[in-house]
Protein backbone atom coordinates (compact mmCIF):
# COMPACT_ATOMS: atom_id res chain seq x y z
CA MET A 1 114.09 -46.02 -8.20
CA THR A 2 113.48 -42.35 -7.77
CA ALA A 3 110.21 -40.81 -7.57
CA LYS A 4 111.49 -38.93 -11.02
CA ARG A 5 112.14 -42.02 -12.59
CA ILE A 6 108.83 -43.62 -11.77
CA ILE A 7 107.13 -40.55 -13.03
CA LYS A 8 109.11 -40.86 -16.63
CA GLU A 9 107.76 -44.61 -16.77
CA LYS A 10 104.21 -43.87 -15.36
CA ASN A 11 101.20 -41.54 -16.14
CA LEU A 12 102.02 -38.11 -13.97
CA PRO A 13 98.28 -37.31 -13.81
CA ALA A 14 97.23 -40.67 -12.60
CA ILE A 15 100.32 -40.15 -9.79
CA VAL A 16 98.77 -36.86 -8.71
CA GLU A 17 95.39 -38.18 -8.24
CA THR A 18 96.48 -40.98 -5.95
CA LEU A 19 98.64 -38.61 -4.24
CA LEU A 20 95.43 -36.11 -3.77
CA PHE A 21 92.89 -39.78 -2.94
CA ALA A 22 95.25 -40.68 -0.13
CA TYR A 23 95.89 -37.82 1.02
CA GLY A 24 92.60 -36.56 1.74
CA GLU A 25 93.03 -33.09 2.53
CA PRO A 26 93.93 -29.90 0.92
CA MET A 27 98.09 -30.69 -0.30
CA ALA A 28 99.98 -27.81 -1.51
CA LEU A 29 101.22 -27.56 -4.81
CA ALA A 30 104.83 -27.23 -3.98
CA HIS A 31 104.22 -30.19 -1.53
CA MET A 32 103.43 -32.42 -4.54
CA ALA A 33 106.35 -30.54 -6.57
CA LYS A 34 108.68 -31.58 -4.11
CA LEU A 35 107.46 -35.31 -3.65
CA LEU A 36 107.27 -36.10 -7.07
CA GLU A 37 110.69 -34.07 -8.04
CA GLU A 38 108.81 -32.40 -10.79
CA GLU A 39 108.30 -28.41 -11.43
CA GLU A 40 105.18 -27.37 -10.10
CA THR A 41 104.35 -26.34 -14.25
CA GLU A 42 104.12 -30.16 -14.86
CA ILE A 43 102.04 -30.78 -11.72
CA LYS A 44 99.78 -28.02 -12.95
CA ALA A 45 99.53 -29.50 -16.10
CA ALA A 46 98.93 -32.65 -14.78
CA LEU A 47 95.98 -31.47 -12.35
CA ARG A 48 94.54 -29.47 -15.70
CA GLU A 49 94.51 -32.89 -17.42
CA LEU A 50 92.89 -34.38 -14.70
CA GLU A 51 90.03 -31.84 -14.74
CA GLU A 52 89.53 -32.46 -18.30
CA ALA A 53 89.23 -36.06 -17.85
CA TYR A 54 86.89 -36.24 -14.97
CA GLY A 55 84.41 -33.69 -17.32
CA THR A 56 81.38 -32.50 -16.08
CA ASP A 57 80.33 -36.36 -14.58
CA ARG A 58 82.83 -37.33 -11.95
CA PHE A 59 85.14 -35.40 -9.26
CA VAL A 60 86.51 -32.14 -9.07
CA ILE A 61 89.92 -30.76 -8.61
CA LEU A 62 89.13 -27.89 -5.66
CA GLU A 63 91.97 -25.16 -5.64
CA LYS A 64 92.68 -22.43 -2.90
CA ASP A 65 95.61 -20.45 -2.02
CA GLY A 66 98.00 -22.95 -3.90
CA MET A 67 96.32 -25.79 -2.09
CA TYR A 68 94.57 -28.51 -4.14
CA GLN A 69 91.96 -31.05 -3.00
CA LEU A 70 89.80 -33.90 -4.83
CA GLY A 71 86.45 -33.35 -4.06
CA THR A 72 82.98 -34.60 -4.97
CA ASN A 73 81.11 -33.17 -7.92
CA PRO A 74 78.18 -30.32 -6.45
CA ALA A 75 76.12 -32.21 -8.79
CA TYR A 76 75.87 -35.16 -6.90
CA ALA A 77 75.44 -33.09 -3.82
CA GLU A 78 72.17 -34.62 -2.46
CA TYR A 79 73.48 -37.95 -2.21
CA VAL A 80 76.64 -36.83 -0.64
CA ALA A 81 74.18 -35.28 1.51
CA GLU A 82 72.10 -38.34 2.49
CA LEU A 83 75.08 -40.32 3.16
CA ILE A 84 76.34 -37.92 5.73
CA LYS A 85 72.65 -37.80 7.40
CA ARG A 86 72.73 -41.48 7.51
CA ASP A 87 76.56 -41.59 8.95
CA MET A 88 75.23 -39.08 11.55
CA ARG A 89 72.39 -41.31 12.68
CA GLU A 90 74.53 -44.61 13.29
CA GLU A 91 77.14 -45.32 16.40
CA LEU A 92 80.68 -44.65 15.79
CA SER A 93 82.45 -47.36 14.11
CA ARG A 94 85.19 -49.19 15.98
CA ALA A 95 87.96 -47.08 13.76
CA ALA A 96 86.01 -44.03 14.66
CA ALA A 97 85.72 -44.48 18.80
CA GLU A 98 89.83 -45.52 18.30
CA THR A 99 90.62 -42.38 16.49
CA LEU A 100 88.21 -39.92 18.83
CA ALA A 101 90.30 -41.94 21.81
CA ILE A 102 93.47 -40.75 20.81
CA VAL A 103 92.54 -37.16 19.66
CA ALA A 104 91.15 -37.30 23.20
CA TYR A 105 93.99 -38.51 25.38
CA LYS A 106 96.72 -37.32 23.22
CA GLY A 107 95.83 -34.71 20.96
CA PRO A 108 96.25 -32.05 19.67
CA LEU A 109 97.61 -33.69 16.71
CA THR A 110 98.04 -34.39 12.92
CA ARG A 111 96.14 -37.11 11.13
CA ALA A 112 99.57 -38.33 10.06
CA GLU A 113 100.06 -39.06 14.23
CA VAL A 114 96.99 -40.34 14.50
CA GLU A 115 97.78 -42.87 11.60
CA TYR A 116 101.32 -43.52 12.91
CA ILE A 117 99.85 -44.47 16.29
CA ARG A 118 97.02 -46.45 14.37
CA GLY A 119 98.67 -47.82 11.79
CA VAL A 120 96.18 -47.49 9.55
CA ASN A 121 94.61 -44.77 7.28
CA SER A 122 92.49 -42.72 9.65
CA SER A 123 91.12 -40.22 6.56
CA PHE A 124 87.35 -41.77 6.90
CA SER A 125 87.40 -41.85 10.37
CA MET A 126 88.61 -38.42 10.98
CA ARG A 127 86.50 -37.25 8.23
CA ASN A 128 83.21 -39.04 9.96
CA LEU A 129 84.55 -37.03 13.51
CA LEU A 130 84.99 -33.79 12.14
CA LEU A 131 81.20 -34.04 10.29
CA ARG A 132 79.80 -34.84 13.67
CA GLY A 133 81.38 -32.06 15.39
CA LEU A 134 83.39 -34.74 17.70
CA VAL A 135 86.84 -33.23 16.48
CA GLU A 136 87.97 -29.82 15.05
CA ARG A 137 90.61 -28.92 12.78
CA THR A 138 93.19 -25.88 13.71
CA GLU A 139 95.88 -24.38 12.21
CA ASN A 140 99.32 -26.18 12.68
CA PRO A 141 102.11 -23.51 13.81
CA LYS A 142 104.76 -25.62 13.15
CA ASP A 143 103.81 -26.66 9.57
CA ALA A 144 100.64 -25.28 8.10
CA ARG A 145 99.96 -28.06 5.31
CA SER A 146 98.90 -30.36 8.20
CA PRO A 147 96.38 -29.18 10.91
CA LEU A 148 96.23 -30.49 13.87
CA TYR A 149 93.15 -32.04 15.03
CA ARG A 150 91.52 -31.73 18.90
CA VAL A 151 88.39 -32.13 20.67
CA SER A 152 85.37 -29.94 20.04
CA PHE A 153 83.36 -27.87 22.50
CA ASP A 154 80.22 -30.27 21.11
CA LEU A 155 82.14 -33.57 22.29
CA LEU A 156 83.23 -31.81 25.66
CA LYS A 157 79.51 -30.64 26.27
CA TYR A 158 78.02 -34.33 25.34
CA LEU A 159 80.40 -36.25 27.81
CA GLY A 160 79.10 -33.36 30.34
CA ILE A 161 83.11 -32.37 31.02
CA LYS A 162 84.16 -28.76 31.25
CA LYS A 163 87.99 -29.90 29.90
CA GLY A 164 89.89 -32.99 28.55
CA GLU A 165 91.92 -33.26 31.44
CA GLU A 166 88.64 -34.75 33.20
CA LEU A 167 88.39 -37.53 30.94
CA PRO A 168 88.80 -40.95 32.71
CA SER A 169 92.77 -41.76 33.66
CA TYR A 170 93.66 -38.70 31.69
CA ALA A 171 96.02 -37.61 34.23
CA GLU A 172 97.85 -41.12 34.77
CA PHE A 173 97.83 -41.42 30.60
CA ARG A 174 99.73 -38.22 30.47
CA ALA A 175 102.29 -38.90 33.10
CA GLU A 176 102.72 -42.12 31.89
CA LEU A 177 103.31 -40.81 28.24
CA ALA A 178 105.82 -38.06 29.28
CA SER A 179 107.78 -41.22 30.95
CA VAL A 180 107.93 -42.94 27.83
CA VAL A 181 108.92 -39.83 25.91
CA LYS A 182 111.44 -38.84 28.61
CA GLU A 183 112.82 -42.40 28.55
CA ALA A 184 112.96 -42.59 24.62
CA ALA A 185 114.98 -39.49 24.54
CA THR A 186 117.10 -40.59 27.33
CA ASN A 187 117.87 -43.89 25.08
CA ALA A 188 117.98 -41.63 21.62
CA ALA A 189 120.71 -39.34 23.41
CA SER A 190 123.01 -42.36 24.48
């Protein structure tokens, strides 16, 4: 069953909302249209319908330069701020520590690459690390729709190192990774 057929049988605004929620970052209108095999005008109409449904009590649709993201209602900012403050005081969760290790040893990489390695959605962990200033988001020269994540200067300062290469066993890990990638490329070429 194609995406187009599914959409005709289902509610397009709900599907757009699901994509924005699951993606967790700004998503290009063109990307949504292509993914859902719909015209951009149809996606925009679904976004307007969502905004109307949210009214003034729930979520908001953020829009900038043809990119859309699901956001929290500014009227409830104080609750979000309190949640973030509490998160910042707590230790890193196992999932956040795992995500941070992947970014530190394999980065810079996209969130999708982190999720591929971990095998689970990493949106919450990545958000937590960004808010704490342990990782930073940078532009991806290969794909503007998916930013790259790398360790921040704050993390380096916190760990007392000058660069990521000073992490324990970093050189061994990168050498092993290069070997695995080379072997995979050789096997794929055969």
